[in-house]
Amino acid sequence: MTVKRCRITGFRIERTAAKRDRSTIGHRVETMQVIGTFIANALHDSLARVMRGFAAEHGLRPASQPISRPPRKVFDTGRIDHSKSQLPIISEAEARAVGRRKTLLHFGQDPDQ
């Protein structure tokens, strides 16, 4: 539809539709590329800023920095008794009974019934 039609007291006057400025149509692809590049750079910058903040909060180092040795421990732990660090061995029936008891207690029921 390139023509607008309007009636004025019985006469029919035709006039052309308002034309869009077509000077940018030839540069549409380049404009979209520039906008895409701008958005990609903005996203990259914001992501880098977030990651720097995350690394600073969690004590991480950037990949560009050299690896440093962790600080040496200055306290003495003494002898470690490995017999205390072993889990007790229980039967399957005992494990089921303990699990059933904890489940009943969790739901507010009497486990001794």
N, C-alpha and C. Protein backbone atom coordinates (compact mmCIF):
# COMPACT_ATOMS: atom_id res chain seq x y z
N MET A 1 0.85 -1.18 0.00
CA MET A 1 0.00 0.00 0.00
C MET A 1 0.89 1.23 0.00
N THR A 2 1.02 1.81 -1.15
CA THR A 2 1.86 2.99 -1.25
C THR A 2 1.04 4.26 -1.31
N VAL A 3 -0.24 4.14 -1.36
CA VAL A 3 -1.07 5.33 -1.52
C VAL A 3 -2.10 5.37 -0.40
N LYS A 4 -2.26 6.55 0.20
CA LYS A 4 -3.31 6.75 1.20
C LYS A 4 -4.49 7.42 0.50
N ARG A 5 -5.67 6.98 0.88
CA ARG A 5 -6.85 7.59 0.26
C ARG A 5 -7.71 8.20 1.36
N CYS A 6 -8.13 9.41 1.13
CA CYS A 6 -9.02 10.06 2.08
C CYS A 6 -10.10 10.81 1.30
N ARG A 7 -11.28 10.85 1.85
CA ARG A 7 -12.39 11.51 1.17
C ARG A 7 -12.64 12.88 1.79
N ILE A 8 -12.79 13.85 0.96
CA ILE A 8 -13.15 15.18 1.42
C ILE A 8 -14.38 15.61 0.62
N THR A 9 -15.47 15.63 1.25
CA THR A 9 -16.75 16.08 0.69
C THR A 9 -16.96 15.61 -0.75
N GLY A 10 -16.89 14.31 -0.91
CA GLY A 10 -17.20 13.77 -2.22
C GLY A 10 -16.02 13.65 -3.16
N PHE A 11 -14.93 14.35 -2.91
CA PHE A 11 -13.76 14.23 -3.78
C PHE A 11 -12.82 13.17 -3.22
N ARG A 12 -12.16 12.54 -4.10
CA ARG A 12 -11.20 11.52 -3.69
C ARG A 12 -9.81 12.04 -4.02
N ILE A 13 -9.02 12.29 -2.97
CA ILE A 13 -7.68 12.85 -3.16
C ILE A 13 -6.68 11.76 -2.81
N GLU A 14 -5.76 11.53 -3.72
CA GLU A 14 -4.74 10.53 -3.47
C GLU A 14 -3.43 11.22 -3.15
N ARG A 15 -2.78 10.73 -2.14
CA ARG A 15 -1.46 11.26 -1.83
C ARG A 15 -0.56 10.09 -1.44
N THR A 16 0.72 10.23 -1.65
CA THR A 16 1.65 9.14 -1.38
C THR A 16 1.83 8.98 0.12
N ALA A 17 2.08 7.76 0.53
CA ALA A 17 2.32 7.48 1.95
C ALA A 17 3.66 8.07 2.36
N ALA A 18 3.77 8.37 3.63
CA ALA A 18 5.03 8.94 4.13
C ALA A 18 6.12 7.90 3.95
N LYS A 19 7.17 8.28 3.27
CA LYS A 19 8.26 7.34 3.00
C LYS A 19 9.24 7.32 4.16
N ARG A 20 9.69 6.15 4.39
CA ARG A 20 10.70 5.98 5.43
C ARG A 20 12.04 6.40 4.86
N ASP A 21 12.89 6.95 5.73
CA ASP A 21 14.22 7.35 5.30
C ASP A 21 15.00 6.08 4.95
N ARG A 22 15.39 5.94 3.72
CA ARG A 22 16.04 4.72 3.26
C ARG A 22 17.56 4.83 3.23
N SER A 23 18.11 5.86 3.82
CA SER A 23 19.57 6.02 3.79
C SER A 23 20.27 4.98 4.66
N THR A 24 19.57 4.45 5.68
CA THR A 24 20.22 3.48 6.56
C THR A 24 20.02 2.04 6.11
N ILE A 25 19.14 1.80 5.15
CA ILE A 25 18.87 0.43 4.74
C ILE A 25 20.12 -0.23 4.16
N GLY A 26 20.90 0.50 3.43
CA GLY A 26 22.12 -0.06 2.86
C GLY A 26 23.15 -0.43 3.91
N HIS A 27 23.08 0.19 5.08
CA HIS A 27 24.06 -0.05 6.14
C HIS A 27 23.49 -0.91 7.26
N ARG A 28 22.37 -1.57 7.01
CA ARG A 28 21.71 -2.32 8.07
C ARG A 28 22.59 -3.46 8.59
N VAL A 29 23.27 -4.19 7.71
CA VAL A 29 24.11 -5.32 8.13
C VAL A 29 25.25 -4.82 9.00
N GLU A 30 25.91 -3.74 8.54
CA GLU A 30 27.02 -3.20 9.33
C GLU A 30 26.54 -2.67 10.67
N THR A 31 25.37 -2.04 10.68
CA THR A 31 24.82 -1.53 11.92
C THR A 31 24.55 -2.66 12.90
N MET A 32 23.97 -3.75 12.40
CA MET A 32 23.70 -4.90 13.26
C MET A 32 25.00 -5.51 13.79
N GLN A 33 26.04 -5.55 12.97
CA GLN A 33 27.33 -6.08 13.42
C GLN A 33 27.93 -5.19 14.51
N VAL A 34 27.84 -3.88 14.33
CA VAL A 34 28.38 -2.96 15.34
C VAL A 34 27.62 -3.11 16.66
N ILE A 35 26.29 -3.20 16.56
CA ILE A 35 25.49 -3.38 17.77
C ILE A 35 25.82 -4.71 18.45
N GLY A 36 25.96 -5.77 17.65
CA GLY A 36 26.32 -7.08 18.21
C GLY A 36 27.67 -7.06 18.89
N THR A 37 28.65 -6.39 18.27
CA THR A 37 29.97 -6.28 18.88
C THR A 37 29.91 -5.49 20.18
N PHE A 38 29.15 -4.41 20.18
CA PHE A 38 29.01 -3.60 21.38
C PHE A 38 28.40 -4.40 22.53
N ILE A 39 27.34 -5.15 22.23
CA ILE A 39 26.69 -5.96 23.26
C ILE A 39 27.62 -7.05 23.76
N ALA A 40 28.35 -7.71 22.84
CA ALA A 40 29.28 -8.76 23.25
C ALA A 40 30.37 -8.20 24.16
N ASN A 41 30.90 -7.03 23.83
CA ASN A 41 31.93 -6.41 24.67
C ASN A 41 31.38 -6.05 26.05
N ALA A 42 30.16 -5.51 26.07
CA ALA A 42 29.56 -5.15 27.36
C ALA A 42 29.33 -6.39 28.22
N LEU A 43 28.85 -7.47 27.61
CA LEU A 43 28.64 -8.71 28.36
C LEU A 43 29.96 -9.28 28.86
N HIS A 44 30.98 -9.23 28.01
CA HIS A 44 32.29 -9.76 28.41
C HIS A 44 32.85 -8.96 29.58
N ASP A 45 32.73 -7.63 29.51
CA ASP A 45 33.25 -6.79 30.59
C ASP A 45 32.51 -7.06 31.90
N SER A 46 31.17 -7.17 31.82
CA SER A 46 30.42 -7.41 33.05
C SER A 46 30.71 -8.79 33.61
N LEU A 47 30.88 -9.79 32.73
CA LEU A 47 31.22 -11.14 33.21
C LEU A 47 32.60 -11.15 33.85
N ALA A 48 33.55 -10.44 33.24
CA ALA A 48 34.90 -10.38 33.82
C ALA A 48 34.87 -9.69 35.18
N ARG A 49 34.05 -8.65 35.32
CA ARG A 49 33.94 -7.94 36.60
C ARG A 49 33.35 -8.87 37.67
N VAL A 50 32.32 -9.63 37.30
CA VAL A 50 31.70 -10.56 38.24
C VAL A 50 32.70 -11.64 38.64
N MET A 51 33.44 -12.18 37.67
CA MET A 51 34.39 -13.25 37.98
C MET A 51 35.53 -12.74 38.85
N ARG A 52 35.97 -11.50 38.62
CA ARG A 52 37.02 -10.94 39.48
C ARG A 52 36.52 -10.82 40.92
N GLY A 53 35.28 -10.37 41.08
CA GLY A 53 34.70 -10.27 42.42
C GLY A 53 34.55 -11.63 43.07
N PHE A 54 34.14 -12.63 42.28
CA PHE A 54 33.99 -13.99 42.80
C PHE A 54 35.34 -14.53 43.25
N ALA A 55 36.37 -14.32 42.43
CA ALA A 55 37.71 -14.82 42.77
C ALA A 55 38.24 -14.13 44.02
N ALA A 56 37.97 -12.83 44.16
CA ALA A 56 38.45 -12.11 45.33
C ALA A 56 37.75 -12.59 46.59
N GLU A 57 36.45 -12.91 46.48
CA GLU A 57 35.71 -13.37 47.65
C GLU A 57 36.18 -14.74 48.11
N HIS A 58 36.54 -15.59 47.17
CA HIS A 58 36.87 -16.97 47.51
C HIS A 58 38.37 -17.23 47.54
N GLY A 59 39.17 -16.20 47.44
CA GLY A 59 40.61 -16.36 47.55
C GLY A 59 41.26 -17.05 46.37
N LEU A 60 40.63 -16.99 45.21
CA LEU A 60 41.21 -17.61 44.02
C LEU A 60 42.14 -16.62 43.35
N ARG A 61 43.09 -17.13 42.59
CA ARG A 61 44.02 -16.26 41.88
C ARG A 61 43.72 -16.31 40.39
N PRO A 62 43.95 -15.23 39.67
CA PRO A 62 43.77 -15.25 38.22
C PRO A 62 44.78 -16.18 37.57
N ALA A 63 44.46 -16.68 36.38
CA ALA A 63 45.33 -17.62 35.69
C ALA A 63 46.63 -16.97 35.25
N SER A 64 46.65 -15.65 35.11
CA SER A 64 47.85 -14.97 34.63
C SER A 64 48.92 -14.85 35.72
N GLN A 65 48.55 -15.01 36.98
CA GLN A 65 49.52 -14.89 38.06
C GLN A 65 50.27 -16.21 38.25
N PRO A 66 51.54 -16.14 38.65
CA PRO A 66 52.29 -17.38 38.86
C PRO A 66 51.77 -18.15 40.08
N ILE A 67 52.02 -19.44 40.05
CA ILE A 67 51.57 -20.29 41.15
C ILE A 67 52.49 -20.08 42.35
N SER A 68 51.91 -19.82 43.50
CA SER A 68 52.70 -19.65 44.72
C SER A 68 52.43 -20.83 45.64
N ARG A 69 53.42 -21.20 46.42
CA ARG A 69 53.28 -22.31 47.34
C ARG A 69 52.36 -21.91 48.48
N PRO A 70 51.56 -22.83 48.97
CA PRO A 70 50.71 -22.50 50.12
C PRO A 70 51.57 -22.26 51.35
N PRO A 71 51.11 -21.44 52.27
CA PRO A 71 51.90 -21.18 53.48
C PRO A 71 52.06 -22.46 54.30
N ARG A 72 53.21 -22.59 54.94
CA ARG A 72 53.48 -23.77 55.76
C ARG A 72 52.68 -23.70 57.05
N LYS A 73 52.28 -24.85 57.52
CA LYS A 73 51.55 -24.92 58.78
C LYS A 73 52.54 -24.75 59.93
N VAL A 74 52.17 -23.94 60.90
CA VAL A 74 53.09 -23.66 62.00
C VAL A 74 52.69 -24.37 63.29
N PHE A 75 51.59 -25.13 63.26
CA PHE A 75 51.19 -25.82 64.48
C PHE A 75 51.52 -27.31 64.35
N ASP A 76 51.69 -27.95 65.46
CA ASP A 76 52.02 -29.37 65.50
C ASP A 76 50.77 -30.14 65.91
N THR A 77 50.39 -31.11 65.10
CA THR A 77 49.18 -31.88 65.41
C THR A 77 49.45 -33.02 66.37
N GLY A 78 50.70 -33.40 66.54
CA GLY A 78 51.01 -34.53 67.42
C GLY A 78 50.72 -35.84 66.72
N ARG A 79 50.76 -36.91 67.50
CA ARG A 79 50.47 -38.22 66.92
C ARG A 79 48.98 -38.34 66.62
N ILE A 80 48.67 -38.99 65.52
CA ILE A 80 47.28 -39.23 65.15
C ILE A 80 46.96 -40.67 65.50
N ASP A 81 45.92 -40.85 66.30
CA ASP A 81 45.50 -42.19 66.69
C ASP A 81 44.51 -42.70 65.64
N HIS A 82 44.97 -43.62 64.76
CA HIS A 82 44.13 -44.10 63.67
C HIS A 82 43.00 -45.00 64.15
N SER A 83 43.11 -45.55 65.35
CA SER A 83 42.03 -46.40 65.85
C SER A 83 40.77 -45.57 66.14
N LYS A 84 40.95 -44.30 66.45
CA LYS A 84 39.80 -43.44 66.73
C LYS A 84 39.15 -42.92 65.45
N SER A 85 39.84 -43.03 64.33
CA SER A 85 39.31 -42.49 63.09
C SER A 85 38.58 -43.55 62.26
N GLN A 86 38.40 -44.74 62.79
CA GLN A 86 37.70 -45.80 62.08
C GLN A 86 36.23 -45.81 62.48
N LEU A 87 35.36 -46.04 61.50
CA LEU A 87 33.94 -46.15 61.80
C LEU A 87 33.66 -47.53 62.37
N PRO A 88 32.74 -47.61 63.32
CA PRO A 88 32.41 -48.94 63.85
C PRO A 88 31.69 -49.78 62.80
N ILE A 89 31.94 -51.06 62.81
CA ILE A 89 31.30 -51.97 61.86
C ILE A 89 30.03 -52.50 62.51
N ILE A 90 28.89 -52.26 61.84
CA ILE A 90 27.61 -52.72 62.37
C ILE A 90 26.94 -53.59 61.31
N SER A 91 26.01 -54.41 61.75
CA SER A 91 25.32 -55.31 60.82
C SER A 91 24.23 -54.55 60.07
N GLU A 92 23.72 -55.19 59.03
CA GLU A 92 22.67 -54.56 58.23
C GLU A 92 21.39 -54.40 59.06
N ALA A 93 21.12 -55.35 59.91
CA ALA A 93 19.92 -55.27 60.75
C ALA A 93 20.02 -54.09 61.72
N GLU A 94 21.22 -53.89 62.29
CA GLU A 94 21.41 -52.73 63.18
C GLU A 94 21.22 -51.42 62.42
N ALA A 95 21.76 -51.37 61.21
CA ALA A 95 21.63 -50.15 60.41
C ALA A 95 20.17 -49.85 60.10
N ARG A 96 19.41 -50.90 59.75
CA ARG A 96 17.99 -50.71 59.47
C ARG A 96 17.24 -50.25 60.72
N ALA A 97 17.57 -50.82 61.87
CA ALA A 97 16.90 -50.44 63.11
C ALA A 97 17.19 -48.99 63.47
N VAL A 98 18.45 -48.58 63.32
CA VAL A 98 18.81 -47.18 63.63
C VAL A 98 18.11 -46.24 62.67
N GLY A 99 18.08 -46.59 61.38
CA GLY A 99 17.40 -45.75 60.39
C GLY A 99 15.91 -45.65 60.66
N ARG A 100 15.28 -46.78 61.02
CA ARG A 100 13.85 -46.78 61.33
C ARG A 100 13.57 -45.90 62.55
N ARG A 101 14.40 -46.03 63.57
CA ARG A 101 14.22 -45.24 64.80
C ARG A 101 14.33 -43.75 64.51
N LYS A 102 15.35 -43.36 63.73
CA LYS A 102 15.53 -41.93 63.40
C LYS A 102 14.37 -41.41 62.55
N THR A 103 13.88 -42.24 61.64
CA THR A 103 12.76 -41.82 60.80
C THR A 103 11.51 -41.60 61.64
N LEU A 104 11.23 -42.53 62.54
CA LEU A 104 10.05 -42.37 63.40
C LEU A 104 10.17 -41.15 64.30
N LEU A 105 11.36 -40.91 64.85
CA LEU A 105 11.56 -39.71 65.67
C LEU A 105 11.37 -38.44 64.85
N HIS A 106 11.84 -38.49 63.61
CA HIS A 106 11.72 -37.31 62.75
C HIS A 106 10.26 -36.93 62.53
N PHE A 107 9.40 -37.94 62.36
CA PHE A 107 7.99 -37.67 62.10
C PHE A 107 7.16 -37.62 63.38
N GLY A 108 7.81 -37.59 64.54
CA GLY A 108 7.10 -37.39 65.80
C GLY A 108 6.38 -38.61 66.32
N GLN A 109 6.79 -39.79 65.87
CA GLN A 109 6.15 -41.01 66.36
C GLN A 109 7.05 -41.68 67.40
N ASP A 110 6.46 -42.55 68.17
CA ASP A 110 7.20 -43.24 69.22
C ASP A 110 8.00 -44.39 68.60
N PRO A 111 9.34 -44.36 68.68
CA PRO A 111 10.14 -45.41 68.05
C PRO A 111 10.18 -46.71 68.84
N ASP A 112 9.68 -46.71 70.08
CA ASP A 112 9.77 -47.91 70.92
C ASP A 112 8.57 -48.83 70.77
N GLN A 113 7.66 -48.56 69.88
CA GLN A 113 6.49 -49.41 69.71
C GLN A 113 6.80 -50.59 68.83
